[in-house]
N, C-alpha and C. Protein backbone atom coordinates (compact mmCIF):
# COMPACT_ATOMS: atom_id res chain seq x y z
N MET A 1 -3.50 7.30 13.75
CA MET A 1 -3.95 7.44 12.58
C MET A 1 -4.61 8.77 12.44
N GLN A 2 -4.45 9.39 11.24
CA GLN A 2 -5.12 10.86 11.12
C GLN A 2 -6.64 10.70 11.02
N LYS A 3 -7.26 11.69 11.43
CA LYS A 3 -8.72 11.64 11.46
C LYS A 3 -9.21 12.07 10.06
N THR A 4 -8.84 11.32 9.10
CA THR A 4 -9.35 11.56 7.76
C THR A 4 -10.80 11.09 7.40
N ARG A 5 -11.62 11.62 7.01
CA ARG A 5 -13.10 11.32 6.83
C ARG A 5 -13.25 10.72 5.30
N PHE A 6 -12.81 9.49 5.22
CA PHE A 6 -12.86 8.92 3.73
C PHE A 6 -14.16 8.87 3.42
N ASP A 7 -15.02 8.46 4.35
CA ASP A 7 -16.43 8.06 4.04
C ASP A 7 -17.11 9.35 3.46
N GLU A 8 -16.67 10.45 3.89
CA GLU A 8 -17.39 11.76 3.19
C GLU A 8 -16.78 12.10 2.03
N LEU A 9 -15.45 11.71 1.69
CA LEU A 9 -14.84 12.15 0.57
C LEU A 9 -14.77 11.12 -0.65
N VAL A 10 -15.12 9.87 -0.15
CA VAL A 10 -14.87 8.71 -1.28
C VAL A 10 -16.23 7.95 -1.22
N GLU A 11 -16.65 7.46 -2.53
CA GLU A 11 -17.52 6.55 -2.56
C GLU A 11 -17.18 5.12 -2.55
N PHE A 12 -17.54 4.44 -1.44
CA PHE A 12 -17.10 2.93 -1.55
C PHE A 12 -18.08 1.92 -2.18
N PRO A 13 -17.56 0.90 -2.67
CA PRO A 13 -16.06 0.38 -2.96
C PRO A 13 -15.64 1.26 -4.12
N CYS A 14 -14.17 1.27 -4.00
CA CYS A 14 -13.47 2.14 -5.05
C CYS A 14 -11.76 1.58 -5.04
N HIS A 15 -11.13 1.82 -6.01
CA HIS A 15 -9.73 1.69 -6.19
C HIS A 15 -9.03 2.71 -5.48
N PHE A 16 -8.02 2.27 -4.67
CA PHE A 16 -7.36 3.24 -3.80
C PHE A 16 -6.01 2.87 -3.78
N THR A 17 -5.06 3.95 -4.27
CA THR A 17 -3.77 3.76 -4.45
C THR A 17 -2.86 4.04 -3.28
N PHE A 18 -1.92 3.00 -2.82
CA PHE A 18 -1.21 2.93 -1.77
C PHE A 18 0.30 3.22 -2.28
N LYS A 19 1.03 4.08 -1.78
CA LYS A 19 2.43 4.21 -2.27
C LYS A 19 3.24 3.82 -0.94
N VAL A 20 3.93 2.81 -1.17
CA VAL A 20 4.78 2.02 -0.11
C VAL A 20 6.22 2.49 -0.32
N MET A 21 6.96 3.12 0.42
CA MET A 21 8.43 3.47 0.22
C MET A 21 9.27 2.47 1.44
N GLY A 22 10.32 1.90 0.69
CA GLY A 22 10.93 0.89 1.63
C GLY A 22 12.40 0.66 1.16
N LEU A 23 13.06 -0.23 1.76
CA LEU A 23 14.33 -0.55 1.20
C LEU A 23 14.50 -1.45 0.03
N ALA A 24 15.45 -0.92 -1.00
CA ALA A 24 15.53 -1.64 -2.15
C ALA A 24 15.91 -3.18 -2.11
N VAL A 25 15.11 -3.91 -1.65
CA VAL A 25 15.43 -5.32 -1.66
C VAL A 25 14.46 -6.01 -2.71
N PRO A 26 14.88 -7.05 -3.33
CA PRO A 26 14.25 -7.61 -4.62
C PRO A 26 12.82 -8.13 -4.09
N GLU A 27 12.55 -8.59 -2.81
CA GLU A 27 11.28 -9.09 -2.47
C GLU A 27 10.16 -7.97 -2.15
N LEU A 28 10.62 -6.90 -2.04
CA LEU A 28 9.57 -5.76 -1.48
C LEU A 28 8.27 -5.67 -2.16
N PRO A 29 8.42 -5.78 -3.55
CA PRO A 29 6.91 -5.64 -4.24
C PRO A 29 6.27 -6.99 -3.88
N ASP A 30 6.72 -8.06 -3.97
CA ASP A 30 6.12 -9.32 -3.81
C ASP A 30 5.50 -9.38 -2.26
N THR A 31 6.29 -8.90 -1.38
CA THR A 31 5.79 -8.80 0.15
C THR A 31 4.64 -7.96 0.06
N ILE A 32 4.62 -6.74 -0.43
CA ILE A 32 3.37 -5.71 -0.42
C ILE A 32 2.29 -6.37 -1.23
N VAL A 33 2.42 -7.20 -2.33
CA VAL A 33 1.31 -7.80 -2.90
C VAL A 33 0.67 -8.78 -2.11
N ALA A 34 1.58 -9.57 -1.18
CA ALA A 34 1.04 -10.68 -0.38
C ALA A 34 0.06 -9.95 0.85
N VAL A 35 0.60 -8.92 1.21
CA VAL A 35 -0.20 -8.18 2.34
C VAL A 35 -1.49 -7.72 1.67
N ALA A 36 -1.45 -7.06 0.53
CA ALA A 36 -2.72 -6.63 -0.18
C ALA A 36 -3.63 -7.91 -0.56
N GLN A 37 -3.02 -9.06 -0.80
CA GLN A 37 -3.78 -10.25 -1.09
C GLN A 37 -4.67 -10.68 0.16
N GLN A 38 -3.97 -10.72 1.10
CA GLN A 38 -4.55 -11.10 2.51
C GLN A 38 -5.86 -10.04 2.97
N HIS A 39 -5.78 -8.96 2.46
CA HIS A 39 -6.82 -7.80 2.86
C HIS A 39 -7.92 -7.61 1.91
N ALA A 40 -7.50 -7.87 0.50
CA ALA A 40 -8.38 -7.74 -0.68
C ALA A 40 -7.78 -8.54 -1.83
N PRO A 41 -8.30 -9.94 -1.76
CA PRO A 41 -7.72 -10.73 -2.78
C PRO A 41 -7.95 -10.07 -4.22
N GLY A 42 -7.13 -10.06 -5.29
CA GLY A 42 -7.09 -9.74 -6.54
C GLY A 42 -5.95 -9.91 -7.20
N ASP A 43 -5.87 -9.45 -8.46
CA ASP A 43 -4.76 -9.58 -9.26
C ASP A 43 -3.95 -8.21 -9.30
N TYR A 44 -2.79 -8.18 -8.87
CA TYR A 44 -2.11 -6.85 -8.65
C TYR A 44 -0.90 -6.74 -9.59
N SER A 45 -0.54 -5.52 -9.93
CA SER A 45 0.57 -5.16 -10.74
C SER A 45 1.12 -4.00 -10.28
N PRO A 46 2.00 -4.07 -9.18
CA PRO A 46 2.60 -2.96 -8.64
C PRO A 46 3.59 -2.17 -9.38
N THR A 47 3.78 -1.00 -9.34
CA THR A 47 4.96 -0.11 -10.06
C THR A 47 5.91 0.13 -9.32
N VAL A 48 7.18 -0.12 -9.71
CA VAL A 48 8.35 0.10 -8.60
C VAL A 48 9.12 1.08 -9.35
N LYS A 49 9.51 2.18 -8.44
CA LYS A 49 10.56 3.17 -8.76
C LYS A 49 11.65 3.32 -7.85
N PRO A 50 12.83 3.00 -8.45
CA PRO A 50 13.81 3.14 -7.52
C PRO A 50 14.34 4.81 -7.13
N SER A 51 14.94 4.93 -5.99
CA SER A 51 15.38 6.19 -5.53
C SER A 51 16.52 6.66 -6.49
N SER A 52 17.13 7.86 -6.36
CA SER A 52 18.21 8.27 -7.13
C SER A 52 19.33 7.52 -7.04
N LYS A 53 19.57 7.14 -5.70
CA LYS A 53 20.88 6.50 -5.30
C LYS A 53 20.54 5.01 -5.19
N GLY A 54 19.34 4.50 -5.47
CA GLY A 54 19.08 3.20 -5.59
C GLY A 54 18.83 2.35 -4.35
N ASN A 55 18.88 3.20 -3.09
CA ASN A 55 18.80 2.51 -1.74
C ASN A 55 17.44 2.18 -1.50
N TYR A 56 16.41 2.92 -2.02
CA TYR A 56 15.13 2.72 -1.68
C TYR A 56 14.22 2.50 -2.95
N HIS A 57 13.04 1.85 -2.63
CA HIS A 57 11.99 1.71 -3.89
C HIS A 57 10.74 2.37 -3.44
N SER A 58 9.99 3.03 -4.33
CA SER A 58 8.61 3.39 -4.18
C SER A 58 7.91 2.41 -5.01
N VAL A 59 6.80 1.75 -4.07
CA VAL A 59 6.03 0.92 -4.87
C VAL A 59 4.71 1.30 -4.71
N SER A 60 3.89 1.50 -5.90
CA SER A 60 2.51 2.06 -5.91
C SER A 60 1.61 0.75 -6.19
N ILE A 61 0.61 0.62 -5.55
CA ILE A 61 -0.23 -0.52 -5.68
C ILE A 61 -1.82 0.05 -5.63
N LYS A 62 -2.64 -0.39 -6.53
CA LYS A 62 -3.96 0.05 -6.45
C LYS A 62 -4.89 -1.09 -5.96
N VAL A 63 -5.70 -1.06 -4.94
CA VAL A 63 -6.22 -1.90 -4.16
C VAL A 63 -7.86 -1.53 -4.06
N GLN A 64 -8.62 -2.34 -4.39
CA GLN A 64 -10.08 -2.28 -4.19
C GLN A 64 -10.51 -2.25 -2.68
N VAL A 65 -10.92 -1.23 -2.14
CA VAL A 65 -11.25 -0.92 -0.77
C VAL A 65 -12.72 -0.76 -0.62
N THR A 66 -13.20 -1.24 0.61
CA THR A 66 -14.69 -1.16 0.67
C THR A 66 -15.29 -0.28 1.84
N SER A 67 -14.21 0.30 2.64
CA SER A 67 -14.56 1.15 3.72
C SER A 67 -13.33 1.99 4.26
N GLN A 68 -13.69 2.97 5.02
CA GLN A 68 -12.52 3.74 5.60
C GLN A 68 -11.74 2.72 6.61
N GLN A 69 -12.28 1.91 7.28
CA GLN A 69 -11.67 0.89 8.26
C GLN A 69 -10.82 -0.12 7.46
N HIS A 70 -11.09 -0.41 6.10
CA HIS A 70 -10.57 -1.18 5.35
C HIS A 70 -9.12 -0.45 4.86
N ILE A 71 -9.28 0.75 4.49
CA ILE A 71 -8.20 1.63 4.22
C ILE A 71 -7.03 1.60 5.28
N GLU A 72 -7.51 1.94 6.56
CA GLU A 72 -6.75 2.04 7.83
C GLU A 72 -6.10 0.67 8.02
N ALA A 73 -6.88 -0.41 7.88
CA ALA A 73 -6.28 -1.88 8.08
C ALA A 73 -5.11 -2.04 7.08
N LEU A 74 -5.32 -1.58 5.90
CA LEU A 74 -4.17 -1.86 4.98
C LEU A 74 -3.01 -1.11 5.15
N TYR A 75 -3.25 0.21 5.62
CA TYR A 75 -2.18 1.05 6.09
C TYR A 75 -1.28 0.53 7.04
N ARG A 76 -2.06 -0.05 8.06
CA ARG A 76 -1.39 -0.73 9.21
C ARG A 76 -0.61 -1.81 8.79
N ALA A 77 -1.16 -2.88 8.13
CA ALA A 77 -0.23 -4.00 7.57
C ALA A 77 0.66 -3.62 6.74
N LEU A 78 0.67 -2.78 5.76
CA LEU A 78 1.81 -2.35 5.08
C LEU A 78 3.00 -1.90 5.80
N ALA A 79 2.53 -1.01 6.71
CA ALA A 79 3.47 -0.34 7.63
C ALA A 79 4.23 -1.36 8.54
N ASP A 80 3.75 -2.41 8.76
CA ASP A 80 4.26 -3.43 9.66
C ASP A 80 5.30 -4.34 8.91
N ILE A 81 5.41 -4.04 7.36
CA ILE A 81 6.53 -4.89 6.79
C ILE A 81 7.76 -4.35 7.21
N GLU A 82 8.56 -5.11 7.57
CA GLU A 82 10.04 -4.63 8.29
C GLU A 82 10.73 -3.89 7.16
N GLU A 83 10.66 -3.96 6.01
CA GLU A 83 11.52 -3.15 5.10
C GLU A 83 10.86 -1.87 4.62
N VAL A 84 9.76 -1.56 5.08
CA VAL A 84 8.84 -0.48 4.78
C VAL A 84 9.07 0.66 5.59
N ARG A 85 9.37 1.89 5.01
CA ARG A 85 9.67 3.13 5.72
C ARG A 85 8.51 4.08 6.00
N TYR A 86 7.77 4.14 4.96
CA TYR A 86 6.57 5.02 4.88
C TYR A 86 5.58 4.28 3.94
N VAL A 87 4.15 4.84 4.33
CA VAL A 87 3.06 4.31 3.43
C VAL A 87 2.39 5.48 3.21
N LEU A 88 2.04 5.88 2.09
CA LEU A 88 1.21 6.97 1.59
C LEU A 88 -0.12 6.75 0.98
């Protein structure tokens, strides 16, 4: 994990947007929401943008986070989804 000092740059708790890029499978947004729910229960409305060729989807989701460790845990959990290629 990169040594970003979120605790110096961000005032917690706050909303943090995760951008998840993965294979264009219909269940990807629901899987991402399910992972977010495990770490930060809430009501989520992800936005999905297909790639130009339609092979990949970019899913953005805004999550209420409470600490740098919370952000890092979400990054790891989202990256562990089989269809996911990148988490920004």
